[in-house]
């Protein structure tokens, strides 16, 4: 399977890339951030890293046309906060 991971150079995306590559998939990563967390993968024959923005529609459309699955890995930062709400069932 061919997989696109947007935000794939971050913590979550790098682990997704590891898992997909380990099972034999071809992985495309689209990220404009640093590659520190995926540097161990950069020489892998089935990994394709595109250093660009998710908002570059031309690049994104071209990548989507080449893959079977698209997944996103949100970038987190110290300045952003997320909250979860629980509901009783």
C-alpha atoms as a PDB file:
ATOM      1  CA  UNK A   1       0.000   0.000   0.000  1.00  0.00           C
ATOM      2  CA  UNK A   2       1.140   3.576  -0.621  1.00  0.00           C
ATOM      3  CA  UNK A   3       0.543   5.903   2.316  1.00  0.00           C
ATOM      4  CA  UNK A   4       0.784   9.688   2.652  1.00  0.00           C
ATOM      5  CA  UNK A   5       1.401  11.052   6.148  1.00  0.00           C
ATOM      6  CA  UNK A   6       0.977  14.807   6.403  1.00  0.00           C
ATOM      7  CA  UNK A   7       2.916  16.146   9.354  1.00  0.00           C
ATOM      8  CA  UNK A   8       4.890  12.919   9.234  1.00  0.00           C
ATOM      9  CA  UNK A   9       8.179  14.323  10.511  1.00  0.00           C
ATOM     10  CA  UNK A  10       6.826  14.897  14.011  1.00  0.00           C
ATOM     11  CA  UNK A  11       6.530  12.548  16.965  1.00  0.00           C
ATOM     12  CA  UNK A  12       3.299  10.780  16.000  1.00  0.00           C
ATOM     13  CA  UNK A  13       3.966  10.838  12.271  1.00  0.00           C
ATOM     14  CA  UNK A  14       7.426   9.328  12.663  1.00  0.00           C
ATOM     15  CA  UNK A  15       5.960   6.399  14.576  1.00  0.00           C
ATOM     16  CA  UNK A  16       3.282   5.940  11.931  1.00  0.00           C
ATOM     17  CA  UNK A  17       5.978   5.963   9.247  1.00  0.00           C
ATOM     18  CA  UNK A  18       7.993   3.366  11.189  1.00  0.00           C
ATOM     19  CA  UNK A  19       4.965   1.081  11.434  1.00  0.00           C
ATOM     20  CA  UNK A  20       3.943   1.404   7.786  1.00  0.00           C
ATOM     21  CA  UNK A  21       7.501   0.844   6.556  1.00  0.00           C
ATOM     22  CA  UNK A  22       7.924  -2.152   8.864  1.00  0.00           C
ATOM     23  CA  UNK A  23       4.906  -3.843   7.321  1.00  0.00           C
ATOM     24  CA  UNK A  24       6.249  -3.211   3.807  1.00  0.00           C
ATOM     25  CA  UNK A  25       4.290  -0.172   2.721  1.00  0.00           C
ATOM     26  CA  UNK A  26       5.615   2.713   0.645  1.00  0.00           C
ATOM     27  CA  UNK A  27       5.442   5.938   2.675  1.00  0.00           C
ATOM     28  CA  UNK A  28       5.255   9.547   1.532  1.00  0.00           C
ATOM     29  CA  UNK A  29       5.775  12.191   4.200  1.00  0.00           C
ATOM     30  CA  UNK A  30       4.728  15.799   3.632  1.00  0.00           C
ATOM     31  CA  UNK A  31       6.045  18.122   6.311  1.00  0.00           C
ATOM     32  CA  UNK A  32       7.729  21.494   6.516  1.00  0.00           C
ATOM     33  CA  UNK A  33       9.164  20.940   9.960  1.00  0.00           C
ATOM     34  CA  UNK A  34      12.549  19.596  11.039  1.00  0.00           C
ATOM     35  CA  UNK A  35      13.491  16.017  10.140  1.00  0.00           C
ATOM     36  CA  UNK A  36      15.162  15.095  13.433  1.00  0.00           C
ATOM     37  CA  UNK A  37      12.546  12.465  14.340  1.00  0.00           C
ATOM     38  CA  UNK A  38      12.697  10.754  10.926  1.00  0.00           C
ATOM     39  CA  UNK A  39      16.412  11.029  10.167  1.00  0.00           C
ATOM     40  CA  UNK A  40      16.817   7.284  10.763  1.00  0.00           C
ATOM     41  CA  UNK A  41      14.304   6.667   7.947  1.00  0.00           C
ATOM     42  CA  UNK A  42      15.623   9.100   5.339  1.00  0.00           C
ATOM     43  CA  UNK A  43      17.735   6.481   3.550  1.00  0.00           C
ATOM     44  CA  UNK A  44      14.941   3.900   3.421  1.00  0.00           C
ATOM     45  CA  UNK A  45      14.131   2.841  -0.146  1.00  0.00           C
ATOM     46  CA  UNK A  46      10.352   3.004   0.442  1.00  0.00           C
ATOM     47  CA  UNK A  47      10.294   6.444   2.096  1.00  0.00           C
ATOM     48  CA  UNK A  48       9.710   9.638   0.136  1.00  0.00           C
ATOM     49  CA  UNK A  49      10.065  12.887   2.082  1.00  0.00           C
ATOM     50  CA  UNK A  50       8.640  16.104   0.670  1.00  0.00           C
ATOM     51  CA  UNK A  51       9.709  19.209   2.600  1.00  0.00           C
ATOM     52  CA  UNK A  52       6.774  21.481   1.862  1.00  0.00           C
ATOM     53  CA  UNK A  53       3.537  22.787   3.296  1.00  0.00           C
ATOM     54  CA  UNK A  54       0.204  21.046   3.443  1.00  0.00           C
ATOM     55  CA  UNK A  55      -1.198  24.265   1.993  1.00  0.00           C
ATOM     56  CA  UNK A  56       0.720  23.835  -1.280  1.00  0.00           C
ATOM     57  CA  UNK A  57      -2.228  22.469  -3.245  1.00  0.00           C
ATOM     58  CA  UNK A  58      -0.171  21.458  -6.266  1.00  0.00           C
ATOM     59  CA  UNK A  59       2.158  19.276  -4.183  1.00  0.00           C
ATOM     60  CA  UNK A  60      -0.676  17.898  -2.066  1.00  0.00           C
ATOM     61  CA  UNK A  61      -2.843  17.009  -5.071  1.00  0.00           C
ATOM     62  CA  UNK A  62       0.082  15.268  -6.761  1.00  0.00           C
ATOM     63  CA  UNK A  63       0.840  13.199  -3.664  1.00  0.00           C
ATOM     64  CA  UNK A  64      -2.793  12.270  -3.076  1.00  0.00           C
ATOM     65  CA  UNK A  65      -3.027  11.012  -6.654  1.00  0.00           C
ATOM     66  CA  UNK A  66      -0.116   8.599  -5.994  1.00  0.00           C
ATOM     67  CA  UNK A  67      -1.296   6.975  -2.755  1.00  0.00           C
ATOM     68  CA  UNK A  68      -3.964   4.600  -1.467  1.00  0.00           C
ATOM     69  CA  UNK A  69      -4.296   6.112   2.011  1.00  0.00           C
ATOM     70  CA  UNK A  70      -3.880   9.613   3.445  1.00  0.00           C
ATOM     71  CA  UNK A  71      -3.398  10.139   7.165  1.00  0.00           C
ATOM     72  CA  UNK A  72      -2.601  13.254   9.114  1.00  0.00           C
ATOM     73  CA  UNK A  73      -0.432  13.681  12.132  1.00  0.00           C
ATOM     74  CA  UNK A  74      -1.139  16.996  13.817  1.00  0.00           C
ATOM     75  CA  UNK A  75       1.828  19.037  14.916  1.00  0.00           C
ATOM     76  CA  UNK A  76       1.735  19.932  18.573  1.00  0.00           C
ATOM     77  CA  UNK A  77       3.474  22.839  20.210  1.00  0.00           C
ATOM     78  CA  UNK A  78       3.998  24.073  23.729  1.00  0.00           C
ATOM     79  CA  UNK A  79       1.844  27.114  23.013  1.00  0.00           C
ATOM     80  CA  UNK A  80      -1.170  25.139  21.823  1.00  0.00           C
ATOM     81  CA  UNK A  81      -3.590  23.437  24.131  1.00  0.00           C
ATOM     82  CA  UNK A  82      -6.134  20.771  23.541  1.00  0.00           C
ATOM     83  CA  UNK A  83      -8.963  19.742  25.749  1.00  0.00           C
ATOM     84  CA  UNK A  84     -11.034  16.636  25.868  1.00  0.00           C
ATOM     85  CA  UNK A  85     -14.538  16.415  27.191  1.00  0.00           C
ATOM     86  CA  UNK A  86     -16.056  13.308  28.668  1.00  0.00           C
ATOM     87  CA  UNK A  87     -19.680  12.439  28.567  1.00  0.00           C
ATOM     88  CA  UNK A  88     -21.398   9.871  30.707  1.00  0.00           C
ATOM     89  CA  UNK A  89     -23.142   7.088  28.867  1.00  0.00           C
END
